[in-house]
Amino acid sequence: TLSQRFHSQEAVREAKREQKITDEIA
């Protein structure tokens, strides 16, 4: 359960990083 939570949170963080990069490029 801890691992799943970590991976879910990491996926959210990664999506935010990718969105930030996309926004900066735009």
PDB file of all heavy atoms in Angstrom:
ATOM      1  N   THR A   1       0.839  -1.201   0.000  1.00  0.00           N
ATOM      2  CA  THR A   1       0.000   0.000   0.000  1.00  0.00           C
ATOM      3  C   THR A   1       0.874   1.250   0.000  1.00  0.00           C
ATOM      4  O   THR A   1       0.614   2.202  -0.748  1.00  0.00           O
ATOM      5  CB  THR A   1      -0.949   0.006   1.216  1.00  0.00           C
ATOM      6  OG1 THR A   1      -1.794  -1.135   1.133  1.00  0.00           O
ATOM      7  CG2 THR A   1      -1.795   1.251   1.266  1.00  0.00           C
ATOM      8  N   LEU A   2       1.929   1.237   0.810  1.00  0.00           N
ATOM      9  CA  LEU A   2       2.862   2.372   0.817  1.00  0.00           C
ATOM     10  C   LEU A   2       3.494   2.552  -0.555  1.00  0.00           C
ATOM     11  O   LEU A   2       3.626   3.680  -1.045  1.00  0.00           O
ATOM     12  CB  LEU A   2       3.967   2.153   1.864  1.00  0.00           C
ATOM     13  CG  LEU A   2       3.577   2.300   3.325  1.00  0.00           C
ATOM     14  CD1 LEU A   2       4.751   1.901   4.213  1.00  0.00           C
ATOM     15  CD2 LEU A   2       3.134   3.720   3.622  1.00  0.00           C
ATOM     16  N   SER A   3       3.876   1.474  -1.168  1.00  0.00           N
ATOM     17  CA  SER A   3       4.486   1.531  -2.496  1.00  0.00           C
ATOM     18  C   SER A   3       3.504   2.097  -3.526  1.00  0.00           C
ATOM     19  O   SER A   3       3.872   2.954  -4.338  1.00  0.00           O
ATOM     20  CB  SER A   3       4.929   0.127  -2.924  1.00  0.00           C
ATOM     21  OG  SER A   3       5.392   0.130  -4.245  1.00  0.00           O
ATOM     22  N   GLN A   4       2.283   1.631  -3.489  1.00  0.00           N
ATOM     23  CA  GLN A   4       1.272   2.135  -4.431  1.00  0.00           C
ATOM     24  C   GLN A   4       1.023   3.624  -4.227  1.00  0.00           C
ATOM     25  O   GLN A   4       0.920   4.375  -5.209  1.00  0.00           O
ATOM     26  CB  GLN A   4      -0.027   1.345  -4.289  1.00  0.00           C
ATOM     27  CG  GLN A   4       0.077  -0.069  -4.819  1.00  0.00           C
ATOM     28  CD  GLN A   4      -1.178  -0.873  -4.563  1.00  0.00           C
ATOM     29  OE1 GLN A   4      -2.206  -0.352  -4.161  1.00  0.00           O
ATOM     30  NE2 GLN A   4      -1.099  -2.165  -4.793  1.00  0.00           N
ATOM     31  N   ARG A   5       0.944   4.054  -2.989  1.00  0.00           N
ATOM     32  CA  ARG A   5       0.761   5.482  -2.708  1.00  0.00           C
ATOM     33  C   ARG A   5       1.939   6.290  -3.235  1.00  0.00           C
ATOM     34  O   ARG A   5       1.767   7.340  -3.849  1.00  0.00           O
ATOM     35  CB  ARG A   5       0.606   5.728  -1.203  1.00  0.00           C
ATOM     36  CG  ARG A   5      -0.728   5.351  -0.666  1.00  0.00           C
ATOM     37  CD  ARG A   5      -0.816   5.685   0.814  1.00  0.00           C
ATOM     38  NE  ARG A   5      -1.998   5.091   1.397  1.00  0.00           N
ATOM     39  CZ  ARG A   5      -2.140   4.806   2.668  1.00  0.00           C
ATOM     40  NH1 ARG A   5      -1.167   5.067   3.525  1.00  0.00           N
ATOM     41  NH2 ARG A   5      -3.244   4.258   3.120  1.00  0.00           N
ATOM     42  N   PHE A   6       3.146   5.802  -2.979  1.00  0.00           N
ATOM     43  CA  PHE A   6       4.343   6.489  -3.445  1.00  0.00           C
ATOM     44  C   PHE A   6       4.310   6.628  -4.968  1.00  0.00           C
ATOM     45  O   PHE A   6       4.548   7.703  -5.508  1.00  0.00           O
ATOM     46  CB  PHE A   6       5.611   5.735  -3.014  1.00  0.00           C
ATOM     47  CG  PHE A   6       6.853   6.270  -3.645  1.00  0.00           C
ATOM     48  CD1 PHE A   6       7.478   7.396  -3.128  1.00  0.00           C
ATOM     49  CD2 PHE A   6       7.390   5.667  -4.780  1.00  0.00           C
ATOM     50  CE1 PHE A   6       8.627   7.904  -3.719  1.00  0.00           C
ATOM     51  CE2 PHE A   6       8.530   6.170  -5.371  1.00  0.00           C
ATOM     52  CZ  PHE A   6       9.150   7.290  -4.849  1.00  0.00           C
ATOM     53  N   HIS A   7       4.028   5.526  -5.658  1.00  0.00           N
ATOM     54  CA  HIS A   7       4.018   5.555  -7.120  1.00  0.00           C
ATOM     55  C   HIS A   7       2.910   6.456  -7.658  1.00  0.00           C
ATOM     56  O   HIS A   7       3.115   7.136  -8.676  1.00  0.00           O
ATOM     57  CB  HIS A   7       3.938   4.144  -7.694  1.00  0.00           C
ATOM     58  CG  HIS A   7       5.190   3.345  -7.483  1.00  0.00           C
ATOM     59  ND1 HIS A   7       6.404   3.701  -8.015  1.00  0.00           N
ATOM     60  CD2 HIS A   7       5.422   2.218  -6.764  1.00  0.00           C
ATOM     61  CE1 HIS A   7       7.331   2.826  -7.654  1.00  0.00           C
ATOM     62  NE2 HIS A   7       6.760   1.920  -6.884  1.00  0.00           N
ATOM     63  N   SER A   8       1.772   6.469  -6.997  1.00  0.00           N
ATOM     64  CA  SER A   8       0.687   7.377  -7.413  1.00  0.00           C
ATOM     65  C   SER A   8       1.112   8.828  -7.242  1.00  0.00           C
ATOM     66  O   SER A   8       0.911   9.655  -8.140  1.00  0.00           O
ATOM     67  CB  SER A   8      -0.580   7.126  -6.584  1.00  0.00           C
ATOM     68  OG  SER A   8      -1.097   5.860  -6.863  1.00  0.00           O
ATOM     69  N   GLN A   9       1.715   9.145  -6.102  1.00  0.00           N
ATOM     70  CA  GLN A   9       2.175  10.510  -5.853  1.00  0.00           C
ATOM     71  C   GLN A   9       3.285  10.881  -6.833  1.00  0.00           C
ATOM     72  O   GLN A   9       3.333  12.006  -7.334  1.00  0.00           O
ATOM     73  CB  GLN A   9       2.670  10.662  -4.407  1.00  0.00           C
ATOM     74  CG  GLN A   9       1.562  10.581  -3.389  1.00  0.00           C
ATOM     75  CD  GLN A   9       2.089  10.453  -1.955  1.00  0.00           C
ATOM     76  OE1 GLN A   9       3.277  10.275  -1.732  1.00  0.00           O
ATOM     77  NE2 GLN A   9       1.171  10.527  -0.997  1.00  0.00           N
ATOM     78  N   GLU A  10       4.150   9.953  -7.116  1.00  0.00           N
ATOM     79  CA  GLU A  10       5.240  10.207  -8.060  1.00  0.00           C
ATOM     80  C   GLU A  10       4.680  10.439  -9.463  1.00  0.00           C
ATOM     81  O   GLU A  10       5.182  11.297 -10.194  1.00  0.00           O
ATOM     82  CB  GLU A  10       6.231   9.037  -8.053  1.00  0.00           C
ATOM     83  CG  GLU A  10       7.520   9.317  -8.748  1.00  0.00           C
ATOM     84  CD  GLU A  10       8.309  10.481  -8.180  1.00  0.00           C
ATOM     85  OE1 GLU A  10       8.194  10.790  -6.979  1.00  0.00           O
ATOM     86  OE2 GLU A  10       9.049  11.106  -8.962  1.00  0.00           O
ATOM     87  N   ALA A  11       3.645   9.717  -9.841  1.00  0.00           N
ATOM     88  CA  ALA A  11       3.020   9.916 -11.148  1.00  0.00           C
ATOM     89  C   ALA A  11       2.404  11.309 -11.239  1.00  0.00           C
ATOM     90  O   ALA A  11       2.513  11.979 -12.276  1.00  0.00           O
ATOM     91  CB  ALA A  11       1.957   8.845 -11.400  1.00  0.00           C
ATOM     92  N   VAL A  12       1.778  11.765 -10.157  1.00  0.00           N
ATOM     93  CA  VAL A  12       1.195  13.119 -10.131  1.00  0.00           C
ATOM     94  C   VAL A  12       2.308  14.155 -10.258  1.00  0.00           C
ATOM     95  O   VAL A  12       2.197  15.113 -11.035  1.00  0.00           O
ATOM     96  CB  VAL A  12       0.361  13.336  -8.842  1.00  0.00           C
ATOM     97  CG1 VAL A  12       0.006  14.803  -8.652  1.00  0.00           C
ATOM     98  CG2 VAL A  12      -0.884  12.469  -8.866  1.00  0.00           C
ATOM     99  N   ARG A  13       3.402  13.971  -9.503  1.00  0.00           N
ATOM    100  CA  ARG A  13       4.535  14.908  -9.582  1.00  0.00           C
ATOM    101  C   ARG A  13       5.124  14.933 -10.987  1.00  0.00           C
ATOM    102  O   ARG A  13       5.438  15.990 -11.531  1.00  0.00           O
ATOM    103  CB  ARG A  13       5.612  14.541  -8.558  1.00  0.00           C
ATOM    104  CG  ARG A  13       5.297  14.981  -7.145  1.00  0.00           C
ATOM    105  CD  ARG A  13       6.517  14.847  -6.226  1.00  0.00           C
ATOM    106  NE  ARG A  13       6.881  13.467  -5.933  1.00  0.00           N
ATOM    107  CZ  ARG A  13       6.387  12.751  -4.933  1.00  0.00           C
ATOM    108  NH1 ARG A  13       5.505  13.279  -4.110  1.00  0.00           N
ATOM    109  NH2 ARG A  13       6.782  11.515  -4.748  1.00  0.00           N
ATOM    110  N   GLU A  14       5.268  13.764 -11.597  1.00  0.00           N
ATOM    111  CA  GLU A  14       5.826  13.681 -12.947  1.00  0.00           C
ATOM    112  C   GLU A  14       4.900  14.357 -13.954  1.00  0.00           C
ATOM    113  O   GLU A  14       5.367  15.079 -14.846  1.00  0.00           O
ATOM    114  CB  GLU A  14       6.057  12.213 -13.329  1.00  0.00           C
ATOM    115  CG  GLU A  14       6.770  12.013 -14.644  1.00  0.00           C
ATOM    116  CD  GLU A  14       8.199  12.530 -14.660  1.00  0.00           C
ATOM    117  OE1 GLU A  14       8.854  12.594 -13.603  1.00  0.00           O
ATOM    118  OE2 GLU A  14       8.674  12.884 -15.749  1.00  0.00           O
ATOM    119  N   ALA A  15       3.613  14.175 -13.800  1.00  0.00           N
ATOM    120  CA  ALA A  15       2.656  14.827 -14.699  1.00  0.00           C
ATOM    121  C   ALA A  15       2.736  16.347 -14.555  1.00  0.00           C
ATOM    122  O   ALA A  15       2.674  17.082 -15.551  1.00  0.00           O
ATOM    123  CB  ALA A  15       1.238  14.333 -14.418  1.00  0.00           C
ATOM    124  N   LYS A  16       2.884  16.816 -13.315  1.00  0.00           N
ATOM    125  CA  LYS A  16       3.014  18.261 -13.092  1.00  0.00           C
ATOM    126  C   LYS A  16       4.299  18.786 -13.731  1.00  0.00           C
ATOM    127  O   LYS A  16       4.300  19.862 -14.333  1.00  0.00           O
ATOM    128  CB  LYS A  16       2.995  18.589 -11.598  1.00  0.00           C
ATOM    129  CG  LYS A  16       1.622  18.477 -10.981  1.00  0.00           C
ATOM    130  CD  LYS A  16       1.664  18.807  -9.497  1.00  0.00           C
ATOM    131  CE  LYS A  16       0.294  18.668  -8.872  1.00  0.00           C
ATOM    132  NZ  LYS A  16       0.328  18.955  -7.429  1.00  0.00           N
ATOM    133  N   ARG A  17       5.403  18.048 -13.610  1.00  0.00           N
ATOM    134  CA  ARG A  17       6.673  18.466 -14.221  1.00  0.00           C
ATOM    135  C   ARG A  17       6.532  18.535 -15.735  1.00  0.00           C
ATOM    136  O   ARG A  17       6.980  19.487 -16.381  1.00  0.00           O
ATOM    137  CB  ARG A  17       7.798  17.492 -13.849  1.00  0.00           C
ATOM    138  CG  ARG A  17       8.390  17.712 -12.477  1.00  0.00           C
ATOM    139  CD  ARG A  17       9.669  16.908 -12.272  1.00  0.00           C
ATOM    140  NE  ARG A  17       9.445  15.471 -12.166  1.00  0.00           N
ATOM    141  CZ  ARG A  17       9.306  14.813 -11.014  1.00  0.00           C
ATOM    142  NH1 ARG A  17       9.392  15.448  -9.859  1.00  0.00           N
ATOM    143  NH2 ARG A  17       9.099  13.525 -11.007  1.00  0.00           N
ATOM    144  N   GLU A  18       5.915  17.505 -16.298  1.00  0.00           N
ATOM    145  CA  GLU A  18       5.720  17.503 -17.752  1.00  0.00           C
ATOM    146  C   GLU A  18       4.822  18.659 -18.189  1.00  0.00           C
ATOM    147  O   GLU A  18       5.080  19.296 -19.209  1.00  0.00           O
ATOM    148  CB  GLU A  18       5.137  16.162 -18.203  1.00  0.00           C
ATOM    149  CG  GLU A  18       6.125  15.020 -18.114  1.00  0.00           C
ATOM    150  CD  GLU A  18       5.514  13.668 -18.453  1.00  0.00           C
ATOM    151  OE1 GLU A  18       4.366  13.619 -18.944  1.00  0.00           O
ATOM    152  OE2 GLU A  18       6.206  12.655 -18.230  1.00  0.00           O
ATOM    153  N   GLN A  19       3.768  18.938 -17.411  1.00  0.00           N
ATOM    154  CA  GLN A  19       2.868  20.044 -17.755  1.00  0.00           C
ATOM    155  C   GLN A  19       3.604  21.373 -17.684  1.00  0.00           C
ATOM    156  O   GLN A  19       3.438  22.240 -18.539  1.00  0.00           O
ATOM    157  CB  GLN A  19       1.650  20.065 -16.821  1.00  0.00           C
ATOM    158  CG  GLN A  19       0.616  21.116 -17.185  1.00  0.00           C
ATOM    159  CD  GLN A  19       0.036  20.877 -18.570  1.00  0.00           C
ATOM    160  OE1 GLN A  19      -0.355  19.778 -18.910  1.00  0.00           O
ATOM    161  NE2 GLN A  19      -0.014  21.939 -19.379  1.00  0.00           N
ATOM    162  N   LYS A  20       4.465  21.515 -16.680  1.00  0.00           N
ATOM    163  CA  LYS A  20       5.242  22.744 -16.524  1.00  0.00           C
ATOM    164  C   LYS A  20       6.165  22.935 -17.724  1.00  0.00           C
ATOM    165  O   LYS A  20       6.265  24.033 -18.284  1.00  0.00           O
ATOM    166  CB  LYS A  20       6.053  22.698 -15.227  1.00  0.00           C
ATOM    167  CG  LYS A  20       6.831  23.964 -14.943  1.00  0.00           C
ATOM    168  CD  LYS A  20       7.576  23.846 -13.627  1.00  0.00           C
ATOM    169  CE  LYS A  20       8.415  25.093 -13.379  1.00  0.00           C
ATOM    170  NZ  LYS A  20       9.208  24.991 -12.174  1.00  0.00           N
ATOM    171  N   ILE A  21       6.827  21.860 -18.140  1.00  0.00           N
ATOM    172  CA  ILE A  21       7.720  21.941 -19.302  1.00  0.00           C
ATOM    173  C   ILE A  21       6.919  22.293 -20.551  1.00  0.00           C
ATOM    174  O   ILE A  21       7.321  23.158 -21.346  1.00  0.00           O
ATOM    175  CB  ILE A  21       8.489  20.615 -19.487  1.00  0.00           C
ATOM    176  CG1 ILE A  21       9.486  20.443 -18.347  1.00  0.00           C
ATOM    177  CG2 ILE A  21       9.198  20.566 -20.835  1.00  0.00           C
ATOM    178  CD1 ILE A  21      10.125  19.060 -18.283  1.00  0.00           C
ATOM    179  N   THR A  22       5.769  21.665 -20.721  1.00  0.00           N
ATOM    180  CA  THR A  22       4.915  21.951 -21.877  1.00  0.00           C
ATOM    181  C   THR A  22       4.462  23.408 -21.862  1.00  0.00           C
ATOM    182  O   THR A  22       4.476  24.088 -22.899  1.00  0.00           O
ATOM    183  CB  THR A  22       3.686  21.011 -21.887  1.00  0.00           C
ATOM    184  OG1 THR A  22       4.148  19.664 -21.885  1.00  0.00           O
ATOM    185  CG2 THR A  22       2.802  21.236 -23.081  1.00  0.00           C
ATOM    186  N   ASP A  23       4.078  23.898 -20.689  1.00  0.00           N
ATOM    187  CA  ASP A  23       3.646  25.298 -20.567  1.00  0.00           C
ATOM    188  C   ASP A  23       4.788  26.252 -20.896  1.00  0.00           C
ATOM    189  O   ASP A  23       4.598  27.267 -21.576  1.00  0.00           O
ATOM    190  CB  ASP A  23       3.107  25.587 -19.159  1.00  0.00           C
ATOM    191  CG  ASP A  23       1.785  24.887 -18.886  1.00  0.00           C
ATOM    192  OD1 ASP A  23       1.159  24.385 -19.853  1.00  0.00           O
ATOM    193  OD2 ASP A  23       1.381  24.826 -17.698  1.00  0.00           O
ATOM    194  N   GLU A  24       6.003  25.933 -20.425  1.00  0.00           N
ATOM    195  CA  GLU A  24       7.157  26.789 -20.699  1.00  0.00           C
ATOM    196  C   GLU A  24       7.462  26.823 -22.196  1.00  0.00           C
ATOM    197  O   GLU A  24       7.755  27.876 -22.760  1.00  0.00           O
ATOM    198  CB  GLU A  24       8.385  26.309 -19.917  1.00  0.00           C
ATOM    199  CG  GLU A  24       8.304  26.592 -18.432  1.00  0.00           C
ATOM    200  CD  GLU A  24       9.476  25.990 -17.660  1.00  0.00           C
ATOM    201  OE1 GLU A  24      10.373  25.361 -18.271  1.00  0.00           O
ATOM    202  OE2 GLU A  24       9.490  26.151 -16.421  1.00  0.00           O
ATOM    203  N   ILE A  25       7.389  25.683 -22.842  1.00  0.00           N
ATOM    204  CA  ILE A  25       7.646  25.628 -24.287  1.00  0.00           C
ATOM    205  C   ILE A  25       6.593  26.443 -25.034  1.00  0.00           C
ATOM    206  O   ILE A  25       6.913  27.219 -25.944  1.00  0.00           O
ATOM    207  CB  ILE A  25       7.675  24.160 -24.781  1.00  0.00           C
ATOM    208  CG1 ILE A  25       8.900  23.449 -24.204  1.00  0.00           C
ATOM    209  CG2 ILE A  25       7.651  24.091 -26.295  1.00  0.00           C
ATOM    210  CD1 ILE A  25       8.934  21.949 -24.441  1.00  0.00           C
ATOM    211  N   ALA A  26       5.335  26.286 -24.632  1.00  0.00           N
ATOM    212  CA  ALA A  26       4.254  27.040 -25.279  1.00  0.00           C
ATOM    213  C   ALA A  26       4.442  28.537 -25.053  1.00  0.00           C
ATOM    214  O   ALA A  26       4.238  29.351 -25.983  1.00  0.00           O
ATOM    215  CB  ALA A  26       2.895  26.592 -24.755  1.00  0.00           C
TER     216      ALA A  26
END
